[in-house]
PDB file of all heavy atoms in Angstrom:
ATOM      1  N   ARG A   1     -14.741  11.650  28.928  1.00  0.00           N
ATOM      2  CA  ARG A   1     -15.521  10.837  29.856  1.00  0.00           C
ATOM      3  C   ARG A   1     -16.995  10.851  29.492  1.00  0.00           C
ATOM      4  O   ARG A   1     -17.475  11.762  28.816  1.00  0.00           O
ATOM      5  CB  ARG A   1     -15.342  11.324  31.297  1.00  0.00           C
ATOM      6  CG  ARG A   1     -16.023  12.636  31.612  1.00  0.00           C
ATOM      7  CD  ARG A   1     -16.007  12.947  33.104  1.00  0.00           C
ATOM      8  NE  ARG A   1     -16.909  12.072  33.864  1.00  0.00           N
ATOM      9  CZ  ARG A   1     -17.117  12.183  35.178  1.00  0.00           C
ATOM     10  NH1 ARG A   1     -16.463  13.105  35.866  1.00  0.00           N
ATOM     11  NH2 ARG A   1     -17.950  11.381  35.792  1.00  0.00           N
ATOM     12  N   THR A   2     -17.674   9.817  29.945  1.00  0.00           N
ATOM     13  CA  THR A   2     -19.124   9.798  29.960  1.00  0.00           C
ATOM     14  C   THR A   2     -19.563   9.976  31.409  1.00  0.00           C
ATOM     15  O   THR A   2     -18.746   9.916  32.325  1.00  0.00           O
ATOM     16  CB  THR A   2     -19.684   8.485  29.391  1.00  0.00           C
ATOM     17  OG1 THR A   2     -19.276   7.398  30.231  1.00  0.00           O
ATOM     18  CG2 THR A   2     -19.174   8.250  27.976  1.00  0.00           C
ATOM     19  N   PHE A   3     -20.876  10.167  31.608  1.00  0.00           N
ATOM     20  CA  PHE A   3     -21.374  10.467  32.942  1.00  0.00           C
ATOM     21  C   PHE A   3     -22.413   9.432  33.367  1.00  0.00           C
ATOM     22  O   PHE A   3     -23.169   8.916  32.548  1.00  0.00           O
ATOM     23  CB  PHE A   3     -21.985  11.871  32.988  1.00  0.00           C
ATOM     24  CG  PHE A   3     -20.972  12.966  32.873  1.00  0.00           C
ATOM     25  CD1 PHE A   3     -20.540  13.384  31.624  1.00  0.00           C
ATOM     26  CD2 PHE A   3     -20.445  13.563  34.010  1.00  0.00           C
ATOM     27  CE1 PHE A   3     -19.593  14.395  31.511  1.00  0.00           C
ATOM     28  CE2 PHE A   3     -19.507  14.567  33.903  1.00  0.00           C
ATOM     29  CZ  PHE A   3     -19.072  14.989  32.660  1.00  0.00           C
ATOM     30  N   GLN A   4     -22.431   9.166  34.675  1.00  0.00           N
ATOM     31  CA  GLN A   4     -23.415   8.247  35.240  1.00  0.00           C
ATOM     32  C   GLN A   4     -24.825   8.743  34.943  1.00  0.00           C
ATOM     33  O   GLN A   4     -25.697   7.979  34.529  1.00  0.00           O
ATOM     34  CB  GLN A   4     -23.187   8.122  36.745  1.00  0.00           C
ATOM     35  CG  GLN A   4     -24.158   7.197  37.452  1.00  0.00           C
ATOM     36  CD  GLN A   4     -23.822   7.068  38.928  1.00  0.00           C
ATOM     37  OE1 GLN A   4     -22.812   7.573  39.404  1.00  0.00           O
ATOM     38  NE2 GLN A   4     -24.680   6.406  39.655  1.00  0.00           N
ATOM     39  N   ASN A   5     -25.065  10.033  35.158  1.00  0.00           N
ATOM     40  CA  ASN A   5     -26.320  10.673  34.780  1.00  0.00           C
ATOM     41  C   ASN A   5     -26.075  11.399  33.465  1.00  0.00           C
ATOM     42  O   ASN A   5     -25.181  12.242  33.375  1.00  0.00           O
ATOM     43  CB  ASN A   5     -26.774  11.656  35.859  1.00  0.00           C
ATOM     44  CG  ASN A   5     -27.029  10.963  37.180  1.00  0.00           C
ATOM     45  OD1 ASN A   5     -27.685   9.933  37.229  1.00  0.00           O
ATOM     46  ND2 ASN A   5     -26.478  11.517  38.260  1.00  0.00           N
ATOM     47  N   LEU A   6     -26.828  11.061  32.466  1.00  0.00           N
ATOM     48  CA  LEU A   6     -26.569  11.572  31.117  1.00  0.00           C
ATOM     49  C   LEU A   6     -26.437  13.088  31.103  1.00  0.00           C
ATOM     50  O   LEU A   6     -27.201  13.797  31.752  1.00  0.00           O
ATOM     51  CB  LEU A   6     -27.700  11.150  30.183  1.00  0.00           C
ATOM     52  CG  LEU A   6     -27.781   9.636  29.895  1.00  0.00           C
ATOM     53  CD1 LEU A   6     -29.061   9.330  29.148  1.00  0.00           C
ATOM     54  CD2 LEU A   6     -26.577   9.167  29.113  1.00  0.00           C
ATOM     55  N   ALA A   7     -25.440  13.569  30.348  1.00  0.00           N
ATOM     56  CA  ALA A   7     -25.186  15.007  30.275  1.00  0.00           C
ATOM     57  C   ALA A   7     -25.350  15.499  28.836  1.00  0.00           C
ATOM     58  O   ALA A   7     -24.579  16.316  28.358  1.00  0.00           O
ATOM     59  CB  ALA A   7     -23.780  15.317  30.790  1.00  0.00           C
ATOM     60  N   LEU A   8     -26.371  14.981  28.158  1.00  0.00           N
ATOM     61  CA  LEU A   8     -26.647  15.406  26.793  1.00  0.00           C
ATOM     62  C   LEU A   8     -27.463  16.695  26.786  1.00  0.00           C
ATOM     63  O   LEU A   8     -28.019  17.104  27.802  1.00  0.00           O
ATOM     64  CB  LEU A   8     -27.413  14.317  26.043  1.00  0.00           C
ATOM     65  CG  LEU A   8     -26.712  12.966  25.891  1.00  0.00           C
ATOM     66  CD1 LEU A   8     -27.651  11.964  25.225  1.00  0.00           C
ATOM     67  CD2 LEU A   8     -25.414  13.100  25.097  1.00  0.00           C
ATOM     68  N   PHE A   9     -27.548  17.308  25.604  1.00  0.00           N
ATOM     69  CA  PHE A   9     -28.442  18.442  25.386  1.00  0.00           C
ATOM     70  C   PHE A   9     -29.698  17.889  24.714  1.00  0.00           C
ATOM     71  O   PHE A   9     -29.703  17.653  23.500  1.00  0.00           O
ATOM     72  CB  PHE A   9     -27.768  19.496  24.516  1.00  0.00           C
ATOM     73  CG  PHE A   9     -26.542  20.098  25.134  1.00  0.00           C
ATOM     74  CD1 PHE A   9     -25.279  19.587  24.852  1.00  0.00           C
ATOM     75  CD2 PHE A   9     -26.642  21.161  26.023  1.00  0.00           C
ATOM     76  CE1 PHE A   9     -24.145  20.135  25.425  1.00  0.00           C
ATOM     77  CE2 PHE A   9     -25.516  21.713  26.612  1.00  0.00           C
ATOM     78  CZ  PHE A   9     -24.270  21.196  26.321  1.00  0.00           C
ATOM     79  N   PRO A  10     -30.766  17.649  25.471  1.00  0.00           N
ATOM     80  CA  PRO A  10     -31.909  16.886  24.931  1.00  0.00           C
ATOM     81  C   PRO A  10     -32.630  17.551  23.775  1.00  0.00           C
ATOM     82  O   PRO A  10     -33.205  16.862  22.932  1.00  0.00           O
ATOM     83  CB  PRO A  10     -32.830  16.729  26.153  1.00  0.00           C
ATOM     84  CG  PRO A  10     -32.409  17.783  27.120  1.00  0.00           C
ATOM     85  CD  PRO A  10     -30.942  17.984  26.897  1.00  0.00           C
ATOM     86  N   SER A  11     -32.601  18.883  23.708  1.00  0.00           N
ATOM     87  CA  SER A  11     -33.332  19.557  22.627  1.00  0.00           C
ATOM     88  C   SER A  11     -32.518  19.648  21.338  1.00  0.00           C
ATOM     89  O   SER A  11     -33.073  19.938  20.275  1.00  0.00           O
ATOM     90  CB  SER A  11     -33.745  20.963  23.068  1.00  0.00           C
ATOM     91  OG  SER A  11     -32.603  21.758  23.333  1.00  0.00           O
ATOM     92  N   LEU A  12     -31.213  19.395  21.417  1.00  0.00           N
ATOM     93  CA  LEU A  12     -30.372  19.408  20.219  1.00  0.00           C
ATOM     94  C   LEU A  12     -30.419  18.046  19.545  1.00  0.00           C
ATOM     95  O   LEU A  12     -30.691  17.030  20.179  1.00  0.00           O
ATOM     96  CB  LEU A  12     -28.934  19.755  20.578  1.00  0.00           C
ATOM     97  CG  LEU A  12     -28.668  21.142  21.155  1.00  0.00           C
ATOM     98  CD1 LEU A  12     -27.182  21.346  21.388  1.00  0.00           C
ATOM     99  CD2 LEU A  12     -29.215  22.232  20.233  1.00  0.00           C
ATOM    100  N   THR A  13     -30.124  18.030  18.257  1.00  0.00           N
ATOM    101  CA  THR A  13     -30.110  16.762  17.546  1.00  0.00           C
ATOM    102  C   THR A  13     -28.954  15.887  18.037  1.00  0.00           C
ATOM    103  O   THR A  13     -27.988  16.373  18.643  1.00  0.00           O
ATOM    104  CB  THR A  13     -29.946  16.962  16.039  1.00  0.00           C
ATOM    105  OG1 THR A  13     -28.643  17.490  15.768  1.00  0.00           O
ATOM    106  CG2 THR A  13     -31.022  17.889  15.477  1.00  0.00           C
ATOM    107  N   VAL A  14     -29.075  14.604  17.736  1.00  0.00           N
ATOM    108  CA  VAL A  14     -28.011  13.662  18.067  1.00  0.00           C
ATOM    109  C   VAL A  14     -26.699  14.106  17.416  1.00  0.00           C
ATOM    110  O   VAL A  14     -25.635  14.094  18.048  1.00  0.00           O
ATOM    111  CB  VAL A  14     -28.419  12.251  17.595  1.00  0.00           C
ATOM    112  CG1 VAL A  14     -27.228  11.297  17.618  1.00  0.00           C
ATOM    113  CG2 VAL A  14     -29.563  11.721  18.446  1.00  0.00           C
ATOM    114  N   LEU A  15     -26.756  14.517  16.158  1.00  0.00           N
ATOM    115  CA  LEU A  15     -25.547  14.966  15.454  1.00  0.00           C
ATOM    116  C   LEU A  15     -24.925  16.174  16.139  1.00  0.00           C
ATOM    117  O   LEU A  15     -23.702  16.223  16.341  1.00  0.00           O
ATOM    118  CB  LEU A  15     -25.885  15.300  14.000  1.00  0.00           C
ATOM    119  CG  LEU A  15     -24.726  15.847  13.160  1.00  0.00           C
ATOM    120  CD1 LEU A  15     -23.582  14.843  13.076  1.00  0.00           C
ATOM    121  CD2 LEU A  15     -25.209  16.214  11.760  1.00  0.00           C
ATOM    122  N   ASP A  16     -25.739  17.144  16.528  1.00  0.00           N
ATOM    123  CA  ASP A  16     -25.193  18.341  17.178  1.00  0.00           C
ATOM    124  C   ASP A  16     -24.552  18.001  18.519  1.00  0.00           C
ATOM    125  O   ASP A  16     -23.538  18.593  18.897  1.00  0.00           O
ATOM    126  CB  ASP A  16     -26.297  19.378  17.378  1.00  0.00           C
ATOM    127  CG  ASP A  16     -26.659  20.094  16.082  1.00  0.00           C
ATOM    128  OD1 ASP A  16     -25.833  20.082  15.153  1.00  0.00           O
ATOM    129  OD2 ASP A  16     -27.773  20.657  16.002  1.00  0.00           O
ATOM    130  N   ASN A  17     -25.125  17.053  19.248  1.00  0.00           N
ATOM    131  CA  ASN A  17     -24.517  16.636  20.505  1.00  0.00           C
ATOM    132  C   ASN A  17     -23.119  16.071  20.276  1.00  0.00           C
ATOM    133  O   ASN A  17     -22.190  16.358  21.040  1.00  0.00           O
ATOM    134  CB  ASN A  17     -25.395  15.592  21.202  1.00  0.00           C
ATOM    135  CG  ASN A  17     -26.407  16.204  22.147  1.00  0.00           C
ATOM    136  OD1 ASN A  17     -26.104  16.505  23.294  1.00  0.00           O
ATOM    137  ND2 ASN A  17     -27.616  16.422  21.646  1.00  0.00           N
ATOM    138  N   VAL A  18     -22.963  15.277  19.234  1.00  0.00           N
ATOM    139  CA  VAL A  18     -21.648  14.697  18.937  1.00  0.00           C
ATOM    140  C   VAL A  18     -20.684  15.778  18.453  1.00  0.00           C
ATOM    141  O   VAL A  18     -19.503  15.784  18.820  1.00  0.00           O
ATOM    142  CB  VAL A  18     -21.779  13.565  17.906  1.00  0.00           C
ATOM    143  CG1 VAL A  18     -20.409  13.002  17.539  1.00  0.00           C
ATOM    144  CG2 VAL A  18     -22.664  12.453  18.469  1.00  0.00           C
ATOM    145  N   LEU A  19     -21.172  16.715  17.641  1.00  0.00           N
ATOM    146  CA  LEU A  19     -20.321  17.807  17.162  1.00  0.00           C
ATOM    147  C   LEU A  19     -19.782  18.636  18.331  1.00  0.00           C
ATOM    148  O   LEU A  19     -18.628  19.071  18.311  1.00  0.00           O
ATOM    149  CB  LEU A  19     -21.090  18.699  16.192  1.00  0.00           C
ATOM    150  CG  LEU A  19     -21.339  18.114  14.796  1.00  0.00           C
ATOM    151  CD1 LEU A  19     -22.331  18.969  14.028  1.00  0.00           C
ATOM    152  CD2 LEU A  19     -20.016  17.999  14.036  1.00  0.00           C
ATOM    153  N   ILE A  20     -20.610  18.835  19.343  1.00  0.00           N
ATOM    154  CA  ILE A  20     -20.165  19.584  20.522  1.00  0.00           C
ATOM    155  C   ILE A  20     -18.990  18.870  21.186  1.00  0.00           C
ATOM    156  O   ILE A  20     -18.042  19.501  21.656  1.00  0.00           O
ATOM    157  CB  ILE A  20     -21.337  19.770  21.503  1.00  0.00           C
ATOM    158  CG1 ILE A  20     -22.321  20.789  20.934  1.00  0.00           C
ATOM    159  CG2 ILE A  20     -20.840  20.224  22.881  1.00  0.00           C
ATOM    160  CD1 ILE A  20     -23.628  20.872  21.696  1.00  0.00           C
ATOM    161  N   GLY A  21     -19.031  17.528  21.199  1.00  0.00           N
ATOM    162  CA  GLY A  21     -17.953  16.770  21.806  1.00  0.00           C
ATOM    163  C   GLY A  21     -16.616  17.006  21.145  1.00  0.00           C
ATOM    164  O   GLY A  21     -15.570  16.971  21.802  1.00  0.00           O
ATOM    165  N   GLY A  22     -16.616  17.239  19.828  1.00  0.00           N
ATOM    166  CA  GLY A  22     -15.360  17.451  19.121  1.00  0.00           C
ATOM    167  C   GLY A  22     -14.958  18.905  18.994  1.00  0.00           C
ATOM    168  O   GLY A  22     -13.967  19.222  18.326  1.00  0.00           O
ATOM    169  N   HIS A  23     -15.696  19.805  19.663  1.00  0.00           N
ATOM    170  CA  HIS A  23     -15.451  21.236  19.470  1.00  0.00           C
ATOM    171  C   HIS A  23     -14.037  21.645  19.858  1.00  0.00           C
ATOM    172  O   HIS A  23     -13.418  22.484  19.191  1.00  0.00           O
ATOM    173  CB  HIS A  23     -16.464  22.053  20.269  1.00  0.00           C
ATOM    174  CG  HIS A  23     -16.297  23.530  20.108  1.00  0.00           C
ATOM    175  ND1 HIS A  23     -16.643  24.187  18.946  1.00  0.00           N
ATOM    176  CD2 HIS A  23     -15.801  24.484  20.949  1.00  0.00           C
ATOM    177  CE1 HIS A  23     -16.361  25.474  19.074  1.00  0.00           C
ATOM    178  NE2 HIS A  23     -15.864  25.678  20.278  1.00  0.00           N
ATOM    179  N   CYS A  24     -13.491  21.053  20.946  1.00  0.00           N
ATOM    180  CA  CYS A  24     -12.165  21.511  21.391  1.00  0.00           C
ATOM    181  C   CYS A  24     -11.064  21.081  20.428  1.00  0.00           C
ATOM    182  O   CYS A  24      -9.936  21.557  20.535  1.00  0.00           O
ATOM    183  CB  CYS A  24     -11.867  21.005  22.802  1.00  0.00           C
ATOM    184  SG  CYS A  24     -11.426  19.273  22.898  1.00  0.00           S
ATOM    185  N   ARG A  25     -11.374  20.178  19.471  1.00  0.00           N
ATOM    186  CA  ARG A  25     -10.402  19.795  18.446  1.00  0.00           C
ATOM    187  C   ARG A  25     -10.439  20.743  17.258  1.00  0.00           C
ATOM    188  O   ARG A  25      -9.582  20.660  16.372  1.00  0.00           O
ATOM    189  CB  ARG A  25     -10.679  18.372  17.973  1.00  0.00           C
ATOM    190  CG  ARG A  25     -10.392  17.298  19.018  1.00  0.00           C
ATOM    191  CD  ARG A  25      -8.959  17.309  19.431  1.00  0.00           C
ATOM    192  NE  ARG A  25      -8.642  16.220  20.338  1.00  0.00           N
ATOM    193  CZ  ARG A  25      -7.570  16.212  21.114  1.00  0.00           C
ATOM    194  NH1 ARG A  25      -6.732  17.226  21.103  1.00  0.00           N
ATOM    195  NH2 ARG A  25      -7.336  15.194  21.921  1.00  0.00           N
ATOM    196  N   MET A  26     -11.419  21.633  17.221  1.00  0.00           N
ATOM    197  CA  MET A  26     -11.509  22.605  16.131  1.00  0.00           C
ATOM    198  C   MET A  26     -10.518  23.733  16.380  1.00  0.00           C
ATOM    199  O   MET A  26     -10.358  24.202  17.507  1.00  0.00           O
ATOM    200  CB  MET A  26     -12.926  23.179  16.042  1.00  0.00           C
ATOM    201  CG  MET A  26     -14.006  22.141  15.769  1.00  0.00           C
ATOM    202  SD  MET A  26     -14.066  21.635  14.051  1.00  0.00           S
ATOM    203  CE  MET A  26     -14.810  23.087  13.305  1.00  0.00           C
ATOM    204  N   ARG A  27      -9.858  24.154  15.343  1.00  0.00           N
ATOM    205  CA  ARG A  27      -8.907  25.261  15.443  1.00  0.00           C
ATOM    206  C   ARG A  27      -9.518  26.473  14.744  1.00  0.00           C
ATOM    207  O   ARG A  27      -9.728  26.466  13.543  1.00  0.00           O
ATOM    208  CB  ARG A  27      -7.569  24.891  14.787  1.00  0.00           C
ATOM    209  CG  ARG A  27      -6.868  23.734  15.484  1.00  0.00           C
ATOM    210  CD  ARG A  27      -6.386  24.159  16.864  1.00  0.00           C
ATOM    211  NE  ARG A  27      -5.715  23.056  17.553  1.00  0.00           N
ATOM    212  CZ  ARG A  27      -6.296  22.279  18.450  1.00  0.00           C
ATOM    213  NH1 ARG A  27      -7.561  22.477  18.745  1.00  0.00           N
ATOM    214  NH2 ARG A  27      -5.636  21.314  19.044  1.00  0.00           N
ATOM    215  N   GLY A  28      -9.847  27.471  15.527  1.00  0.00           N
ATOM    216  CA  GLY A  28     -10.468  28.639  14.922  1.00  0.00           C
ATOM    217  C   GLY A  28     -10.368  29.849  15.818  1.00  0.00           C
ATOM    218  O   GLY A  28      -9.861  29.774  16.933  1.00  0.00           O
ATOM    219  N   ASP A  29     -10.842  30.976  15.336  1.00  0.00           N
ATOM    220  CA  ASP A  29     -10.889  32.199  16.120  1.00  0.00           C
ATOM    221  C   ASP A  29     -12.105  32.995  15.673  1.00  0.00           C
ATOM    222  O   ASP A  29     -12.727  32.702  14.646  1.00  0.00           O
ATOM    223  CB  ASP A  29      -9.603  33.022  15.935  1.00  0.00           C
ATOM    224  CG  ASP A  29      -9.336  33.355  14.479  1.00  0.00           C
ATOM    225  OD1 ASP A  29      -9.992  34.280  13.963  1.00  0.00           O
ATOM    226  OD2 ASP A  29      -8.486  32.686  13.858  1.00  0.00           O
ATOM    227  N   PHE A  30     -12.463  33.992  16.473  1.00  0.00           N
ATOM    228  CA  PHE A  30     -13.693  34.742  16.229  1.00  0.00           C
ATOM    229  C   PHE A  30     -13.685  35.398  14.854  1.00  0.00           C
ATOM    230  O   PHE A  30     -14.674  35.316  14.114  1.00  0.00           O
ATOM    231  CB  PHE A  30     -13.873  35.803  17.312  1.00  0.00           C
ATOM    232  CG  PHE A  30     -15.065  36.683  17.078  1.00  0.00           C
ATOM    233  CD1 PHE A  30     -16.344  36.227  17.380  1.00  0.00           C
ATOM    234  CD2 PHE A  30     -14.915  37.949  16.529  1.00  0.00           C
ATOM    235  CE1 PHE A  30     -17.453  37.031  17.154  1.00  0.00           C
ATOM    236  CE2 PHE A  30     -16.021  38.754  16.293  1.00  0.00           C
ATOM    237  CZ  PHE A  30     -17.292  38.299  16.612  1.00  0.00           C
ATOM    238  N   LEU A  31     -12.576  36.021  14.475  1.00  0.00           N
ATOM    239  CA  LEU A  31     -12.527  36.748  13.210  1.00  0.00           C
ATOM    240  C   LEU A  31     -12.673  35.806  12.024  1.00  0.00           C
ATOM    241  O   LEU A  31     -13.430  36.085  11.080  1.00  0.00           O
ATOM    242  CB  LEU A  31     -11.226  37.536  13.105  1.00  0.00           C
ATOM    243  CG  LEU A  31     -11.068  38.416  11.857  1.00  0.00           C
ATOM    244  CD1 LEU A  31     -12.187  39.448  11.789  1.00  0.00           C
ATOM    245  CD2 LEU A  31      -9.705  39.098  11.843  1.00  0.00           C
ATOM    246  N   SER A  32     -11.947  34.664  12.048  1.00  0.00           N
ATOM    247  CA  SER A  32     -12.019  33.718  10.937  1.00  0.00           C
ATOM    248  C   SER A  32     -13.423  33.182  10.768  1.00  0.00           C
ATOM    249  O   SER A  32     -13.927  33.055   9.637  1.00  0.00           O
ATOM    250  CB  SER A  32     -11.045  32.552  11.181  1.00  0.00           C
ATOM    251  OG  SER A  32      -9.716  33.012  11.244  1.00  0.00           O
ATOM    252  N   GLU A  33     -14.086  32.877  11.892  1.00  0.00           N
ATOM    253  CA  GLU A  33     -15.430  32.332  11.796  1.00  0.00           C
ATOM    254  C   GLU A  33     -16.438  33.403  11.384  1.00  0.00           C
ATOM    255  O   GLU A  33     -17.385  33.124  10.636  1.00  0.00           O
ATOM    256  CB  GLU A  33     -15.816  31.693  13.131  1.00  0.00           C
ATOM    257  CG  GLU A  33     -14.962  30.468  13.449  1.00  0.00           C
ATOM    258  CD  GLU A  33     -15.388  29.766  14.725  1.00  0.00           C
ATOM    259  OE1 GLU A  33     -16.448  30.137  15.267  1.00  0.00           O
ATOM    260  OE2 GLU A  33     -14.672  28.853  15.167  1.00  0.00           O
ATOM    261  N   ALA A  34     -16.240  34.631  11.855  1.00  0.00           N
ATOM    262  CA  ALA A  34     -17.146  35.713  11.469  1.00  0.00           C
ATOM    263  C   ALA A  34     -17.055  36.002   9.971  1.00  0.00           C
ATOM    264  O   ALA A  34     -18.070  36.300   9.322  1.00  0.00           O
ATOM    265  CB  ALA A  34     -16.809  36.973  12.270  1.00  0.00           C
ATOM    266  N   LEU A  35     -15.845  35.900   9.405  1.00  0.00           N
ATOM    267  CA  LEU A  35     -15.638  36.153   7.977  1.00  0.00           C
ATOM    268  C   LEU A  35     -15.915  34.924   7.118  1.00  0.00           C
ATOM    269  O   LEU A  35     -15.884  35.027   5.888  1.00  0.00           O
ATOM    270  CB  LEU A  35     -14.203  36.637   7.734  1.00  0.00           C
ATOM    271  CG  LEU A  35     -13.847  37.989   8.366  1.00  0.00           C
ATOM    272  CD1 LEU A  35     -12.367  38.297   8.159  1.00  0.00           C
ATOM    273  CD2 LEU A  35     -14.704  39.103   7.778  1.00  0.00           C
ATOM    274  N   ARG A  36     -16.173  33.778   7.796  1.00  0.00           N
ATOM    275  CA  ARG A  36     -16.422  32.525   7.096  1.00  0.00           C
ATOM    276  C   ARG A  36     -15.312  32.238   6.084  1.00  0.00           C
ATOM    277  O   ARG A  36     -15.564  31.971   4.893  1.00  0.00           O
ATOM    278  CB  ARG A  36     -17.778  32.534   6.392  1.00  0.00           C
ATOM    279  CG  ARG A  36     -18.967  32.735   7.313  1.00  0.00           C
ATOM    280  CD  ARG A  36     -19.071  31.614   8.332  1.00  0.00           C
ATOM    281  NE  ARG A  36     -19.266  30.313   7.716  1.00  0.00           N
ATOM    282  CZ  ARG A  36     -19.183  29.150   8.372  1.00  0.00           C
ATOM    283  NH1 ARG A  36     -18.870  29.160   9.663  1.00  0.00           N
ATOM    284  NH2 ARG A  36     -19.386  28.017   7.742  1.00  0.00           N
TER     285      ARG A  36
END
């Protein structure tokens, strides 16, 4: 959904705002990300 009153993160870049939107489609875990 989108919101009537914008719910963006104003200090983050436009790209980072969009990346946040797709975060729940990422498959990962703490250990894998910590070990890169």
